[in-house]
Amino acid sequence: MEKAVFADRVHKMQACLTKKKIDAALVINTTIKDPNMLYFTDLELEYCFLVIPKKGEAVFLVSALEYERAKRYSPFSSVISYKNPLQEIKKLLKGKKILGINEQYVTIFMHKALRKELQGHTFKPLQEICRALRIIKSSEEIQLLQHAAALADDIFETLCRELRSNRKKFVTETDIADFIATEAKKRGTVVSFETIVASGKNAALPHYVPQPIRLQKGFCVLDFGVRYNNYISDISRTIYFGKPSDEERHAYNKVRQANERAFAAVALKKKFSAIDAVSRSAIDYPHSLGHGIGIEVHEAPNVSPKSKDIIQENMCFTIEPGLYVPEQFGIRIEDDVWMTKTGPALLTKSSKELFSFDF
């Protein structure tokens, strides 16, 4: 994205800092990486620090190892190669007593070090400010999410073609997972999280990890996504190995209808909790209806029964109802959704027909 996009993000953060009477924000990456660092800098570096004062220029502090990379690829003109980062930060914060930090990504060790080095400073949480900045997507972000979703759709369609024409090459669950990873690489990208390929009774485990075991007869849940310019897609489709019975088709259609009912119920100013309830009118499942998507696989808004979030224009999120019968089968159908001013739009467009393949 253009540097102007990141400058706009910094300006919006500064407006929030002014409103909240916080003198400066400090975003920190150690071995724990704060996704907001990626949001503001377009880089994922270990041991880097971003100081955003409520007025003036943001300063990006990085190790000597990463200095040239940060100068070349970060959107900031002020990049410092530090020797002692906390001493450098202390200088930058001179006269700025109220400091915002994102506590959930700061280690206990770093928090103690900050308290020691920055004695006399007051620390305020940044979590809600960052959440509010990222929950509504810009036009640039939506374009990236659209592209990531289109890549996932293309990979799923390619997989289905291969399963029909070259079924013998897919023996194990990991064969399918590896195929998805390879196809992502062919498209110049990577999978955005560990791909789920859960066949037979394994499909009843929502967060199953694919194994080098033979594909089992019955439903097979595929849950994967790709990353495009730091923005991700997340799609689930359920296919079938063998010939599904009428009862199995009925179970599949219940999940598909739950997905489609929830999508049809999405509307501006409606509560996400109400959409979740719509999806559960015929089935229940042990997870939320969905989650927000962006630079993280799971981010705001909250799409769950207890969500207090209200649907707003340019929010992007998933809808993924499921049906799980322990030791028998599982089904999940997940789409990425963009809330436009005229209604919801599907980012993922792959068919939701129940495709069956030889066993």
Foldseek 3Di string as FASTA:
>chain_A
DDLVQLVVLLLLLLVVCVVVVAFKEKEFAAVQWDVVCCVNWVDTDHGKMWIRGSDDFIAIEDAPVCQVVSCVRGSGVHYHHDDDVLVVVLVVCVVGAEYEYAVVRADPVRVVVNCVSNPNHHYDYCVVVSQVSPQFDDPVQVVQQLVQQVLVQVLVVVLLVCCAVPVVQQFFQVSSQVSSQVSQVVVVWGKQDQWAWAAWLRQLPVPDHTDRHGHDFFKIKTWITIGGSLFIFIWIAIAGADDDDPVSVVQLVLQVVLQVQLQVPDDAFAFLLVSQVSSPPPHDDDDFQKAFTTSHRHGDDDNGNPGPDTDDARGKMKGKDKDHDHPGHIGIGMFIWGQHNVGIDTSNDHDRDHHYGYD
